[in-house]
């Protein structure tokens, strides 16, 4: 396993010193490395509060619904609103 992938898994598992709110970029990197969604959701919950801007970023970049929902809950919302349809 590469050092980068090992580091991502260590962060995802919430090792001591790694407990901080995860941003959209961090989460999207984990998704690109095929870290399981359940692991990412656990990391979001362990990381603490996030912002609605991060939730919106995740929605816009196509993060799985479970990830968006976990981030939204940590931002104080129950679920992220669906994006408005684009007028044709």
N, C-alpha and C. Protein backbone atom coordinates (compact mmCIF):
# COMPACT_ATOMS: atom_id res chain seq x y z
N UNK A 1 0.86 -1.18 0.00
CA UNK A 1 0.00 0.00 0.00
C UNK A 1 0.90 1.23 0.00
N UNK A 2 0.56 2.20 -0.81
CA UNK A 2 1.40 3.39 -0.90
C UNK A 2 1.32 4.22 0.36
N UNK A 3 2.31 5.07 0.56
CA UNK A 3 2.34 5.95 1.73
C UNK A 3 1.14 6.89 1.70
N UNK A 4 0.81 7.43 0.53
CA UNK A 4 -0.32 8.35 0.42
C UNK A 4 -1.62 7.66 0.81
N UNK A 5 -1.83 6.47 0.30
CA UNK A 5 -3.06 5.73 0.62
C UNK A 5 -3.08 5.38 2.11
N UNK A 6 -1.95 5.01 2.68
CA UNK A 6 -1.89 4.72 4.12
C UNK A 6 -2.24 5.94 4.93
N UNK A 7 -1.75 7.09 4.50
CA UNK A 7 -2.05 8.34 5.21
C UNK A 7 -3.53 8.66 5.14
N UNK A 8 -4.13 8.47 3.97
CA UNK A 8 -5.56 8.72 3.82
C UNK A 8 -6.35 7.81 4.74
N UNK A 9 -5.99 6.54 4.80
CA UNK A 9 -6.71 5.62 5.69
C UNK A 9 -6.51 5.99 7.15
N UNK A 10 -5.32 6.42 7.52
CA UNK A 10 -5.08 6.84 8.90
C UNK A 10 -5.96 8.04 9.26
N UNK A 11 -6.06 8.99 8.35
CA UNK A 11 -6.93 10.15 8.59
C UNK A 11 -8.38 9.72 8.65
N UNK A 12 -8.75 8.81 7.78
CA UNK A 12 -10.13 8.36 7.74
C UNK A 12 -10.53 7.63 9.01
N UNK A 13 -9.59 6.96 9.63
CA UNK A 13 -9.88 6.22 10.85
C UNK A 13 -9.87 7.10 12.08
N UNK A 14 -9.53 8.35 11.91
CA UNK A 14 -9.59 9.29 13.03
C UNK A 14 -8.54 9.05 14.08
N UNK A 15 -7.32 8.76 13.68
CA UNK A 15 -6.26 8.57 14.65
C UNK A 15 -6.02 9.83 15.46
N UNK A 16 -5.51 9.72 16.68
CA UNK A 16 -5.29 10.90 17.51
C UNK A 16 -4.54 11.99 16.76
N UNK A 17 -4.99 13.21 16.94
CA UNK A 17 -4.36 14.34 16.27
C UNK A 17 -4.96 14.63 14.91
N UNK A 18 -5.77 13.71 14.40
CA UNK A 18 -6.37 13.91 13.09
C UNK A 18 -7.84 14.34 13.19
N UNK A 19 -8.33 14.55 14.40
CA UNK A 19 -9.74 14.90 14.60
C UNK A 19 -9.96 16.39 14.36
N UNK A 20 -10.27 16.71 13.13
CA UNK A 20 -10.62 18.08 12.77
C UNK A 20 -11.65 17.99 11.67
N UNK A 21 -12.45 19.03 11.55
CA UNK A 21 -13.50 19.01 10.54
C UNK A 21 -12.89 18.82 9.15
N UNK A 22 -13.51 17.94 8.38
CA UNK A 22 -13.03 17.67 7.03
C UNK A 22 -13.71 18.62 6.06
N UNK A 23 -12.94 19.14 5.13
CA UNK A 23 -13.49 20.02 4.12
C UNK A 23 -13.86 19.25 2.87
N UNK A 24 -14.50 19.93 1.97
CA UNK A 24 -14.94 19.35 0.71
C UNK A 24 -13.77 18.72 -0.06
N UNK A 25 -12.66 19.43 -0.13
CA UNK A 25 -11.50 18.91 -0.87
C UNK A 25 -11.00 17.60 -0.27
N UNK A 26 -10.92 17.55 1.07
CA UNK A 26 -10.46 16.34 1.75
C UNK A 26 -11.39 15.16 1.44
N UNK A 27 -12.67 15.42 1.52
CA UNK A 27 -13.66 14.37 1.29
C UNK A 27 -13.62 13.90 -0.16
N UNK A 28 -13.53 14.82 -1.09
CA UNK A 28 -13.48 14.43 -2.50
C UNK A 28 -12.21 13.65 -2.82
N UNK A 29 -11.10 13.99 -2.16
CA UNK A 29 -9.86 13.21 -2.35
C UNK A 29 -10.06 11.79 -1.85
N UNK A 30 -10.69 11.65 -0.68
CA UNK A 30 -10.94 10.31 -0.15
C UNK A 30 -11.81 9.51 -1.11
N UNK A 31 -12.83 10.14 -1.68
CA UNK A 31 -13.67 9.45 -2.65
C UNK A 31 -12.87 9.05 -3.88
N UNK A 32 -11.96 9.91 -4.32
CA UNK A 32 -11.16 9.59 -5.51
C UNK A 32 -10.20 8.43 -5.25
N UNK A 33 -9.84 8.21 -3.97
CA UNK A 33 -8.97 7.09 -3.59
C UNK A 33 -9.79 5.84 -3.26
N UNK A 34 -11.10 5.91 -3.53
CA UNK A 34 -12.00 4.78 -3.30
C UNK A 34 -12.09 4.35 -1.84
N UNK A 35 -11.95 5.31 -0.92
CA UNK A 35 -12.17 5.02 0.49
C UNK A 35 -13.67 4.73 0.63
N UNK A 36 -14.04 3.66 1.34
CA UNK A 36 -15.46 3.33 1.46
C UNK A 36 -16.28 4.49 2.04
N UNK A 37 -17.49 4.65 1.53
CA UNK A 37 -18.37 5.74 1.95
C UNK A 37 -18.60 5.69 3.46
N UNK A 38 -18.78 4.50 4.02
CA UNK A 38 -18.99 4.37 5.46
C UNK A 38 -17.82 4.90 6.27
N UNK A 39 -16.62 4.69 5.77
CA UNK A 39 -15.43 5.20 6.44
C UNK A 39 -15.40 6.72 6.38
N UNK A 40 -15.77 7.27 5.23
CA UNK A 40 -15.79 8.73 5.07
C UNK A 40 -16.84 9.34 5.99
N UNK A 41 -18.03 8.74 6.04
CA UNK A 41 -19.09 9.23 6.92
C UNK A 41 -18.62 9.21 8.37
N UNK A 42 -17.96 8.14 8.78
CA UNK A 42 -17.42 8.07 10.15
C UNK A 42 -16.40 9.15 10.41
N UNK A 43 -15.58 9.44 9.43
CA UNK A 43 -14.57 10.49 9.58
C UNK A 43 -15.21 11.87 9.69
N UNK A 44 -16.27 12.09 8.93
CA UNK A 44 -16.98 13.37 8.99
C UNK A 44 -17.56 13.55 10.39
N UNK A 45 -18.19 12.50 10.91
CA UNK A 45 -18.80 12.57 12.24
C UNK A 45 -17.75 12.75 13.33
N UNK A 46 -16.60 12.12 13.18
CA UNK A 46 -15.53 12.24 14.18
C UNK A 46 -14.84 13.59 14.11
N UNK A 47 -14.90 14.23 12.95
CA UNK A 47 -14.18 15.49 12.75
C UNK A 47 -14.83 16.71 13.35
N UNK A 48 -16.09 16.63 13.69
CA UNK A 48 -16.76 17.78 14.28
C UNK A 48 -17.49 18.63 13.25
N UNK A 49 -17.86 19.82 13.69
CA UNK A 49 -18.71 20.71 12.89
C UNK A 49 -18.06 21.09 11.56
N UNK A 50 -18.91 21.25 10.57
CA UNK A 50 -18.49 21.74 9.27
C UNK A 50 -19.41 22.91 8.90
N UNK A 51 -19.37 23.37 7.68
CA UNK A 51 -20.17 24.53 7.29
C UNK A 51 -21.13 24.16 6.16
N UNK A 52 -22.16 24.98 5.99
CA UNK A 52 -23.09 24.77 4.88
C UNK A 52 -22.38 24.96 3.54
N UNK A 53 -21.36 25.80 3.50
CA UNK A 53 -20.60 25.99 2.26
C UNK A 53 -19.92 24.68 1.85
N UNK A 54 -19.41 23.93 2.82
CA UNK A 54 -18.78 22.64 2.52
C UNK A 54 -19.83 21.65 2.01
N UNK A 55 -21.02 21.68 2.62
CA UNK A 55 -22.11 20.80 2.18
C UNK A 55 -22.48 21.13 0.74
N UNK A 56 -22.61 22.40 0.44
CA UNK A 56 -22.95 22.82 -0.93
C UNK A 56 -21.87 22.39 -1.91
N UNK A 57 -20.62 22.51 -1.52
CA UNK A 57 -19.51 22.07 -2.37
C UNK A 57 -19.63 20.57 -2.67
N UNK A 58 -19.92 19.79 -1.65
CA UNK A 58 -20.06 18.34 -1.83
C UNK A 58 -21.21 18.02 -2.79
N UNK A 59 -22.32 18.73 -2.65
CA UNK A 59 -23.45 18.53 -3.55
C UNK A 59 -23.06 18.85 -4.99
N UNK A 60 -22.42 19.99 -5.18
CA UNK A 60 -22.06 20.43 -6.52
C UNK A 60 -21.05 19.50 -7.18
N UNK A 61 -20.20 18.87 -6.37
CA UNK A 61 -19.16 18.00 -6.93
C UNK A 61 -19.60 16.54 -7.03
N UNK A 62 -20.86 16.27 -6.66
CA UNK A 62 -21.41 14.93 -6.86
C UNK A 62 -21.06 13.90 -5.81
N UNK A 63 -20.83 14.32 -4.58
CA UNK A 63 -20.56 13.37 -3.51
C UNK A 63 -21.80 12.51 -3.27
N UNK A 64 -21.61 11.27 -2.82
CA UNK A 64 -22.76 10.39 -2.55
C UNK A 64 -23.70 11.00 -1.51
N UNK A 65 -25.00 10.71 -1.61
CA UNK A 65 -25.98 11.28 -0.68
C UNK A 65 -25.65 11.04 0.79
N UNK A 66 -25.10 9.86 1.12
CA UNK A 66 -24.77 9.56 2.51
C UNK A 66 -23.71 10.52 3.04
N UNK A 67 -22.76 10.87 2.19
CA UNK A 67 -21.69 11.79 2.58
C UNK A 67 -22.25 13.20 2.76
N UNK A 68 -23.09 13.63 1.82
CA UNK A 68 -23.70 14.96 1.91
C UNK A 68 -24.56 15.05 3.17
N UNK A 69 -25.32 14.01 3.44
CA UNK A 69 -26.19 14.00 4.61
C UNK A 69 -25.39 14.08 5.91
N UNK A 70 -24.29 13.33 6.00
CA UNK A 70 -23.45 13.37 7.20
C UNK A 70 -22.84 14.75 7.39
N UNK A 71 -22.36 15.35 6.31
CA UNK A 71 -21.77 16.69 6.39
C UNK A 71 -22.83 17.71 6.79
N UNK A 72 -24.03 17.56 6.24
CA UNK A 72 -25.11 18.48 6.57
C UNK A 72 -25.48 18.38 8.05
N UNK A 73 -25.54 17.17 8.56
CA UNK A 73 -25.85 16.98 9.99
C UNK A 73 -24.79 17.64 10.87
N UNK A 74 -23.53 17.58 10.45
CA UNK A 74 -22.45 18.18 11.23
C UNK A 74 -22.42 19.70 11.07
N UNK A 75 -23.14 20.19 10.06
CA UNK A 75 -23.23 21.65 9.84
C UNK A 75 -24.47 22.22 10.53
N UNK A 76 -25.18 21.37 11.25
CA UNK A 76 -26.36 21.83 11.98
C UNK A 76 -27.66 21.62 11.25
N UNK A 77 -27.62 21.06 10.06
CA UNK A 77 -28.83 20.79 9.30
C UNK A 77 -29.21 19.33 9.41
N UNK A 78 -30.45 19.01 9.09
CA UNK A 78 -30.86 17.62 9.11
C UNK A 78 -30.60 16.96 7.77
N UNK A 79 -30.72 17.73 6.71
CA UNK A 79 -30.37 17.22 5.39
C UNK A 79 -30.12 18.41 4.48
N UNK A 80 -29.30 18.18 3.51
CA UNK A 80 -28.97 19.27 2.59
C UNK A 80 -30.09 19.43 1.58
N UNK A 81 -30.46 20.66 1.26
CA UNK A 81 -31.51 20.86 0.27
C UNK A 81 -31.04 20.45 -1.12
N UNK A 82 -31.98 19.97 -1.91
CA UNK A 82 -31.65 19.60 -3.28
C UNK A 82 -31.40 20.86 -4.09
N UNK A 83 -30.45 20.80 -5.01
CA UNK A 83 -30.20 21.98 -5.85
C UNK A 83 -31.43 22.30 -6.70
N UNK A 84 -31.66 23.56 -6.95
CA UNK A 84 -32.79 23.99 -7.77
C UNK A 84 -32.56 23.56 -9.21
N UNK A 85 -33.63 23.14 -9.90
CA UNK A 85 -33.46 22.76 -11.31
C UNK A 85 -33.07 23.97 -12.15
N UNK A 86 -32.30 23.70 -13.17
CA UNK A 86 -31.86 24.76 -14.07
C UNK A 86 -32.93 24.96 -15.13
N UNK A 87 -33.34 26.22 -15.32
CA UNK A 87 -34.36 26.52 -16.33
C UNK A 87 -33.79 26.33 -17.72
N UNK A 88 -34.59 25.75 -18.59
CA UNK A 88 -34.13 25.50 -19.96
C UNK A 88 -34.30 26.71 -20.83
